[in-house]
Structures are given as C-alpha cells and as structure tokens.
Protein backbone atom coordinates (compact mmCIF):
# COMPACT_ATOMS: atom_id res chain seq x y z
CA UNK A 1 147.71 133.37 163.14
CA UNK A 2 146.48 133.23 159.56
CA UNK A 3 144.81 136.52 158.58
CA UNK A 4 141.44 136.23 156.91
CA UNK A 5 141.10 137.26 153.29
CA UNK A 6 139.08 140.51 153.09
CA UNK A 7 135.43 139.97 152.25
CA UNK A 8 134.81 141.58 148.85
CA UNK A 9 132.14 144.16 148.16
CA UNK A 10 128.88 143.03 146.60
CA UNK A 11 129.93 144.36 143.18
CA UNK A 12 133.30 142.53 143.24
CA UNK A 13 132.49 138.90 144.08
CA UNK A 14 134.59 135.97 142.95
CA UNK A 15 134.18 132.27 142.24
CA UNK A 16 134.75 131.49 145.90
CA UNK A 17 132.19 134.01 147.03
CA UNK A 18 129.56 134.31 144.33
CA UNK A 19 130.94 133.24 140.95
CA UNK A 20 132.00 136.73 139.83
CA UNK A 21 135.33 138.52 139.37
CA UNK A 22 137.13 139.58 142.53
CA UNK A 23 140.13 141.84 143.11
CA UNK A 24 141.10 139.93 146.25
CA UNK A 25 140.99 136.32 145.04
CA UNK A 26 141.66 137.08 141.37
CA UNK A 27 139.75 134.02 140.14
CA UNK A 28 137.81 133.97 136.90
CA UNK A 29 134.26 132.59 137.17
CA UNK A 30 133.64 128.85 136.97
CA UNK A 31 130.39 126.90 137.45
CA UNK A 32 129.46 126.81 141.13
CA UNK A 33 127.29 123.71 141.07
CA UNK A 34 130.03 121.21 140.22
CA UNK A 35 132.81 122.63 142.38
CA UNK A 36 130.95 124.44 145.15
CA UNK A 37 132.55 122.43 147.97
CA UNK A 38 136.10 123.25 146.82
CA UNK A 39 135.25 126.92 146.44
CA UNK A 40 133.37 127.13 149.69
CA UNK A 41 136.52 126.27 151.62
CA UNK A 42 138.91 128.14 149.32
CA UNK A 43 140.58 124.96 148.07
CA UNK A 44 142.34 125.60 144.74
CA UNK A 45 140.68 123.65 141.94
CA UNK A 46 142.61 122.77 138.81
CA UNK A 47 140.08 124.60 136.62
CA UNK A 48 140.60 127.92 138.42
CA UNK A 49 142.55 130.55 136.54
CA UNK A 50 143.45 134.08 137.42
CA UNK A 51 142.11 137.17 135.73
CA UNK A 52 145.67 138.06 134.66
CA UNK A 53 145.93 134.78 132.73
CA UNK A 54 143.04 135.72 130.49
CA UNK A 55 140.18 133.69 129.15
CA UNK A 56 142.33 130.85 127.85
CA UNK A 57 145.03 130.86 130.52
CA UNK A 58 147.38 133.01 128.44
CA UNK A 59 149.59 135.84 129.62
CA UNK A 60 152.10 136.27 132.44
CA UNK A 61 152.43 133.47 134.96
CA UNK A 62 150.66 134.57 138.11
CA UNK A 63 152.14 134.23 141.60
CA UNK A 64 150.65 131.61 143.97
CA UNK A 65 147.46 132.68 145.72
CA UNK A 66 146.87 132.69 149.48
CA UNK A 67 144.95 129.45 149.09
CA UNK A 68 147.72 127.73 147.14
CA UNK A 69 150.26 128.82 149.77
CA UNK A 70 148.04 127.34 152.48
CA UNK A 71 147.50 124.12 150.55
CA UNK A 72 151.27 123.76 150.13
CA UNK A 73 151.74 124.45 153.86
CA UNK A 74 149.19 121.74 154.69
CA UNK A 75 151.03 119.24 152.49
CA UNK A 76 154.36 120.19 154.14
CA UNK A 77 152.89 119.86 157.63
CA UNK A 78 151.41 116.42 156.93
CA UNK A 79 154.69 115.28 155.36
CA UNK A 80 156.64 116.41 158.43
CA UNK A 81 154.36 114.58 160.87
CA UNK A 82 153.54 111.40 158.95
CA UNK A 83 156.29 111.07 156.30
CA UNK A 84 153.47 110.81 153.74
CA UNK A 85 153.65 113.22 150.80
CA UNK A 86 150.08 114.15 149.90
CA UNK A 87 151.45 116.19 147.02
CA UNK A 88 152.03 112.91 145.17
CA UNK A 89 148.34 112.01 145.27
CA UNK A 90 145.81 112.69 142.56
CA UNK A 91 144.95 116.40 142.84
CA UNK A 92 141.18 115.98 142.53
CA UNK A 93 141.15 113.23 145.16
CA UNK A 94 143.20 115.37 147.54
CA UNK A 95 140.80 118.29 147.13
CA UNK A 96 137.75 116.10 147.72
CA UNK A 97 139.19 114.48 150.83
CA UNK A 98 140.36 117.82 152.21
CA UNK A 99 137.00 119.47 151.62
CA UNK A 100 135.35 116.50 153.29
CA UNK A 101 137.60 116.77 156.34
CA UNK A 102 137.23 120.55 156.62
CA UNK A 103 133.44 120.13 156.61
CA UNK A 104 133.58 117.31 159.19
CA UNK A 105 135.69 119.40 161.57
CA UNK A 106 133.57 122.54 161.12
CA UNK A 107 136.49 124.59 159.82
CA UNK A 108 135.84 127.72 157.78
CA UNK A 109 138.56 127.05 155.21
CA UNK A 110 142.19 126.20 154.52
CA UNK A 111 143.56 128.76 156.97
CA UNK A 112 141.65 127.37 159.95
CA UNK A 113 142.42 123.81 158.93
CA UNK A 114 146.14 124.56 158.62
CA UNK A 115 146.10 125.99 162.13
CA UNK A 116 144.38 122.83 163.38
CA UNK A 117 147.03 120.66 161.73
CA UNK A 118 149.78 122.80 163.24
CA UNK A 119 148.62 122.15 166.80
CA UNK A 120 147.08 118.70 166.35
CA UNK A 121 149.37 116.04 164.92
CA UNK A 122 146.57 113.51 165.24
CA UNK A 123 144.60 115.38 162.58
CA UNK A 124 147.51 114.91 160.18
CA UNK A 125 147.27 111.16 160.71
CA UNK A 126 143.50 111.31 160.21
CA UNK A 127 143.86 113.09 156.88
CA UNK A 128 146.35 110.49 155.67
CA UNK A 129 143.97 107.69 156.72
CA UNK A 130 141.26 109.40 154.73
CA UNK A 131 143.48 109.24 151.64
CA UNK A 132 144.46 105.60 152.14
CA UNK A 133 142.87 102.49 150.71
CA UNK A 134 141.12 100.61 153.50
CA UNK A 135 138.69 98.30 151.69
CA UNK A 136 139.95 94.76 151.38
CA UNK A 137 138.79 91.15 151.42
CA UNK A 138 140.45 87.79 150.91
CA UNK A 139 140.77 86.84 147.23
CA UNK A 140 139.20 90.09 146.08
CA UNK A 141 138.43 89.74 142.33
CA UNK A 142 138.65 85.92 142.39
CA UNK A 143 139.40 85.57 138.67
CA UNK A 144 142.67 87.45 139.19
CA UNK A 145 143.75 85.05 141.93
CA UNK A 146 142.69 82.10 139.79
CA UNK A 147 144.95 83.34 137.00
CA UNK A 148 147.79 83.84 139.47
CA UNK A 149 147.30 80.32 140.80
CA UNK A 150 146.95 78.60 137.41
CA UNK A 151 149.36 80.60 135.23
CA UNK A 152 151.67 82.86 137.21
CA UNK A 153 152.77 80.64 140.11
CA UNK A 154 153.47 77.53 137.98
CA UNK A 155 155.73 79.60 135.73
CA UNK A 156 157.54 81.12 138.71
CA UNK A 157 158.07 77.69 140.29
CA UNK A 158 159.27 76.19 137.01
CA UNK A 159 161.75 79.04 136.55
CA UNK A 160 163.06 78.55 140.08
CA UNK A 161 163.64 74.84 139.38
CA UNK A 162 165.47 75.58 136.15
CA UNK A 163 167.71 78.15 137.82
CA UNK A 164 168.28 76.05 140.91
CA UNK A 165 166.95 78.79 143.17
CA UNK A 166 165.08 77.96 146.37
CA UNK A 167 163.25 81.14 147.28
CA UNK A 168 159.99 82.67 146.05
CA UNK A 169 159.54 86.34 146.88
CA UNK A 170 156.35 88.34 146.50
CA UNK A 171 155.40 91.90 147.45
CA UNK A 172 151.89 93.11 148.29
CA UNK A 173 152.21 96.91 147.96
CA UNK A 174 149.40 98.82 149.65
CA UNK A 175 148.38 95.71 151.58
CA UNK A 176 145.87 97.45 153.88
CA UNK A 177 144.95 94.96 156.64
CA UNK A 178 146.69 92.01 155.03
CA UNK A 179 143.99 90.05 153.21
CA UNK A 180 145.75 90.19 149.85
CA UNK A 181 149.12 89.16 151.28
CA UNK A 182 147.63 86.21 153.16
CA UNK A 183 145.68 85.17 150.04
CA UNK A 184 148.91 84.99 148.03
CA UNK A 185 150.64 83.16 150.87
CA UNK A 186 147.92 80.49 150.84
CA UNK A 187 148.22 79.98 147.09
CA UNK A 188 152.01 79.68 147.22
CA UNK A 189 151.81 77.35 150.21
CA UNK A 190 149.37 75.11 148.36
CA UNK A 191 151.64 75.03 145.31
CA UNK A 192 154.93 74.22 147.00
CA UNK A 193 153.93 72.01 149.93
CA UNK A 194 154.83 68.38 149.39
CA UNK A 195 157.08 69.21 146.43
CA UNK A 196 160.76 68.34 146.35
CA UNK A 197 161.50 71.96 145.39
CA UNK A 198 162.04 72.90 149.04
CA UNK A 199 161.41 76.60 148.38
CA UNK A 200 161.45 79.22 151.08
CA UNK A 201 158.50 81.55 150.49
CA UNK A 202 158.57 85.17 151.61
CA UNK A 203 155.75 87.66 151.13
CA UNK A 204 156.55 91.28 151.96
CA UNK A 205 153.43 93.34 152.65
CA UNK A 206 153.61 97.12 153.00
CA UNK A 207 151.31 100.03 153.74
CA UNK A 208 151.57 103.59 155.06
CA UNK A 209 149.10 103.05 157.92
CA UNK A 210 150.64 101.76 161.18
CA UNK A 211 147.27 100.82 162.66
CA UNK A 212 146.21 98.71 159.68
CA UNK A 213 149.62 97.02 159.66
CA UNK A 214 149.15 96.09 163.29
CA UNK A 215 145.75 94.61 162.46
CA UNK A 216 147.33 92.69 159.59
CA UNK A 217 150.01 91.16 161.79
CA UNK A 218 147.37 89.69 164.10
CA UNK A 219 145.74 87.88 161.19
CA UNK A 220 142.32 87.99 162.85
CA UNK A 221 139.36 88.81 160.61
CA UNK A 222 135.56 89.00 160.67
CA UNK A 223 133.59 86.49 158.62
CA UNK A 224 132.51 89.02 155.98
CA UNK A 225 136.14 89.39 154.81
CA UNK A 226 136.30 85.68 153.97
CA UNK A 227 133.38 85.46 151.55
CA UNK A 228 135.60 84.66 148.54
CA UNK A 229 137.74 82.02 150.26
CA UNK A 230 137.27 78.54 148.83
CA UNK A 231 135.94 76.06 151.35
CA UNK A 232 139.01 73.80 151.27
CA UNK A 233 141.34 76.76 151.84
CA UNK A 234 139.07 78.02 154.61
CA UNK A 235 139.20 74.66 156.40
CA UNK A 236 142.98 74.35 156.12
CA UNK A 237 144.13 77.88 156.85
CA UNK A 238 141.71 79.46 159.36
CA UNK A 239 140.90 78.83 163.02
CA UNK A 240 137.66 80.15 164.66
CA UNK A 241 138.43 82.59 167.46
CA UNK A 242 135.71 84.39 169.46
CA UNK A 243 133.43 85.01 166.50
CA UNK A 244 136.34 85.84 164.21
CA UNK A 245 138.80 83.79 162.20
CA UNK A 246 142.54 83.55 162.75
CA UNK A 247 144.95 82.85 159.89
CA UNK A 248 147.00 79.81 160.85
CA UNK A 249 150.54 80.39 162.05
CA UNK A 250 152.14 78.62 159.08
CA UNK A 251 150.64 81.20 156.73
CA UNK A 252 151.26 84.17 159.04
CA UNK A 253 154.93 83.23 159.26
CA UNK A 254 155.27 83.57 155.48
CA UNK A 255 154.29 87.26 155.55
CA UNK A 256 156.35 90.20 156.81
CA UNK A 257 154.46 93.48 157.31
CA UNK A 258 156.24 96.84 157.31
CA UNK A 259 155.70 100.54 156.70
CA UNK A 260 156.54 101.74 153.21
CA UNK A 261 155.67 104.86 151.20
CA UNK A 262 155.58 104.09 147.49
CA UNK A 263 156.25 107.73 146.60
CA UNK A 264 159.25 108.28 148.86
CA UNK A 265 162.33 109.18 146.77
CA UNK A 266 165.05 106.55 146.76
CA UNK A 267 162.77 104.14 148.62
CA UNK A 268 161.64 101.78 145.85
CA UNK A 269 161.41 98.55 147.86
CA UNK A 270 160.48 97.61 151.45
CA UNK A 271 163.34 98.02 153.90
CA UNK A 272 162.92 94.39 155.04
CA UNK A 273 163.49 93.14 151.49
CA UNK A 274 166.66 95.05 150.67
CA UNK A 275 168.41 91.91 149.48
CA UNK A 276 166.96 90.37 146.35
CA UNK A 277 164.32 91.05 143.72
CA UNK A 278 160.72 89.88 143.53
CA UNK A 279 159.05 87.18 141.49
CA UNK A 280 155.61 88.75 141.92
CA UNK A 281 154.41 92.24 142.84
CA UNK A 282 150.77 93.06 143.52
CA UNK A 283 149.72 96.71 143.68
CA UNK A 284 145.99 96.68 143.13
CA UNK A 285 143.67 99.67 143.43
CA UNK A 286 146.47 101.82 144.82
CA UNK A 287 147.94 103.67 141.83
CA UNK A 288 144.58 105.30 141.01
CA UNK A 289 145.04 107.49 144.08
CA UNK A 290 148.27 109.03 142.78
CA UNK A 291 149.07 111.58 140.08
CA UNK A 292 150.18 110.26 136.68
CA UNK A 293 153.79 111.28 137.22
CA UNK A 294 153.83 109.48 140.59
CA UNK A 295 152.25 106.40 139.00
CA UNK A 296 154.96 106.32 136.35
CA UNK A 297 157.68 106.59 138.98
CA UNK A 298 156.15 103.75 141.00
CA UNK A 299 155.82 101.53 137.92
CA UNK A 300 159.48 102.14 137.03
CA UNK A 301 160.39 101.19 140.59
CA UNK A 302 158.41 97.97 140.28
CA UNK A 303 160.20 97.14 137.03
CA UNK A 304 163.58 97.56 138.70
CA UNK A 305 162.43 95.49 141.70
CA UNK A 306 161.17 92.53 139.67
CA UNK A 307 163.34 89.56 138.83
CA UNK A 308 163.77 88.84 135.12
CA UNK A 309 160.47 87.37 133.97
CA UNK A 310 158.72 88.46 137.17
CA UNK A 311 155.05 89.44 137.25
CA UNK A 312 153.19 92.64 138.13
CA UNK A 313 149.47 92.67 139.00
CA UNK A 314 147.54 95.97 139.03
CA UNK A 315 143.94 96.85 139.88
CA UNK A 316 141.12 96.63 137.38
CA UNK A 317 140.92 100.43 136.99
CA UNK A 318 144.68 100.85 136.56
CA UNK A 319 146.95 100.63 133.55
CA UNK A 320 150.55 101.07 132.51
CA UNK A 321 151.09 104.39 130.76
CA UNK A 322 151.97 104.08 127.07
CA UNK A 323 155.42 105.56 127.75
CA UNK A 324 156.20 102.51 129.91
CA UNK A 325 154.43 99.76 127.97
CA UNK A 326 157.70 98.47 126.55
CA UNK A 327 158.76 97.48 130.07
CA UNK A 328 156.08 94.80 130.38
CA UNK A 329 154.40 92.09 128.34
CA UNK A 330 150.67 91.70 129.08
CA UNK A 331 149.85 88.18 130.24
CA UNK A 332 146.19 89.12 130.67
CA UNK A 333 145.56 92.77 129.83
CA UNK A 334 141.91 92.67 130.91
CA UNK A 335 142.84 91.46 134.41
CA UNK A 336 145.94 93.69 134.55
CA UNK A 337 148.55 90.94 134.84
CA UNK A 338 151.89 91.81 133.27
CA UNK A 339 155.27 90.11 132.87
CA UNK A 340 158.55 91.98 133.03
CA UNK A 341 160.02 92.43 129.59
CA UNK A 342 163.71 91.64 129.55
CA UNK A 343 165.70 93.13 126.65
CA UNK A 344 167.76 90.54 124.78
CA UNK A 345 171.34 90.33 125.93
CA UNK A 346 173.86 91.36 123.29
CA UNK A 347 175.71 88.47 121.74
CA UNK A 348 179.36 88.20 122.55
CA UNK A 349 181.60 87.76 119.52
CA UNK A 350 184.75 85.73 119.69
CA UNK A 351 187.90 87.46 118.52
CA UNK A 352 191.08 86.02 117.21
C-alpha cells in the first residue's frame, strides 16, 4: 500500500542510511549517534534539512518529504480514531514515543506503522496512551498541597464569604487516575466542614484516557499511591478493601470525571462545567508534553476559565511564557502557584 523508498547506491547514502548525502531522501548529514533511532525508522527530526536548503537552511522552501507526509498521515489517523491531536504535542517527545512504538511492534518504519494504524484502531489508542501522563500519587509534591491548604483555600473561602457565594469550583486538568483530584477534594472538605459557610464543593477532573478515567471513578488504589497522605486524612477518608484502599463516598461524590482534550479548538473547559468559572485550576506536569504554542493556548484558556482572583497551579518543570506573564501574579513562583491578574476596572465619571 505504501511503496518503499528506493535503497540508495553505496556512493549516495543519506542520514537515514549512512550519514551521507542522498538523492532519494535529500537530507544533509547529521550526527548518527544522537538521533540514530529517529533516522533508523525514517522519522523526521527537527534538525534535518534538505540539500536544497543549503548549509544554513537558506534557499527555496522544499516540499514535504515522504516521511513528513507519512508522519502527517499518522497524526491525522490518530486524530480521527481517538480525537487526540498528536500534532499539538512537543515534537521531540512525539518522535521519541513513535520510534519507541515502531521498535516495539517490529515495524520497519513510518510506512509500515501507518499501515498498521490504518487497520488497527487499537494501536492508535496505544500510541495516545504512550503520550499520556500516567504517573500519579496522592499529594504528589506535598509542599505544593501544603501551600494550597494554608494560603490558597483560605483566600478562596474568604472571597466566597465576602461575595455571598456558596460554591467552590476546582478543575484538575490531566487528572490521570484521580489522585490529584481526590487530594484537593479532601483539603476542601477539611476546610469547609463544620463551617457556617455551607459551600457546595465541585471538583471537575479531566483526562484524555477513558480507561484511566474509569479507574479514577472507582476510587480504589494500591497502598503505594498513598505514601504522602497524612495519617489523619488517611484514617478519615479511606476504607481498606481487599488489599487496596477505597476513597470514601463523601469525597468521591465531590469529584466529577470526564473526557477532555486540552488542545481541542473551542473546547477550553470540561463539558460538565459549562456553567461557571473556577476558583482553582491544577494542571501539573501536563504542559511539558505540548509544544510552546499549544502551551500558550492552554494557559490563555485557563485564564479565561478562572474566576477573578482565581488560582492556577502548574508542575515544577513548567512555567508561564513571558508573553503571558501579565495575566498572572505569582503567589509562589518556585512552586508554580499563580493568581489571576484582574485589570483594574475603569472609573465611571458622573456627568451633569
């Protein structure tokens, strides 16, 4: 179905074949040691340049190569099957994961792998899972949750009292199997129970993986996921169940899990939360998997989704691009906790 690229002669090898110029592939040489896996499977690497572009990438813009066409076709196929746009992910990460999967499935390159994806929708799902974040524990990075508990939540609750509002809304974006969302639910529950505030607390937790969302809804976890849970919280909010631990119903009822793709155009908030903004958004260790332009779009979406004075928490390796820094005030820059910056409202002048 996908014709093989002609094997070049010994005197006309390319970076894919033997790190020399090639009339078929048209790639200029690059070091093989660092990028050999990409080149082995014909996966376009960002450092590749065509012979027509010259030594410094100058000259006429070249047409897409066979490999770039196939990579685009793979992205289109996965998007069609899973609704996940891999083209929004960090390019280097995508290449690494794809090379890994091609090697694991004993494919010879992009052409064979595209054919596999065409006839095997399950492989599309597998590739998306490979790209997704699936490492999570309760209260991961405890200092961040301590800051949320001691600084963020009291300010949110105080603002709600002042405004006479009776609902606290939080969003765990990229929630994986639910540990982060349940952690926040426990902290909010501890803060508002017994108070006369009478707040309804809703945590919306989203991910792109249906299977991990199903696991999250059950609220049943192995002991090693609970290593950072304080003993008093553990005693109050978990029930032993056949060697595992079940989150109590009162906490589970506070969290709503749903599918959501952060990069989908016009889809900035979870469908279940269409009415209302958020007081707190957590998106930790998720943005690093996306391209810079996609990160910026997601951050702008978070800004629009936050209530005035709401808080955004990112992962320790993530930051807000300097073009968007004016949108947020750092509460704790080191721990990536930010507060929505609200421009001052113009004063109204009386006339007459």
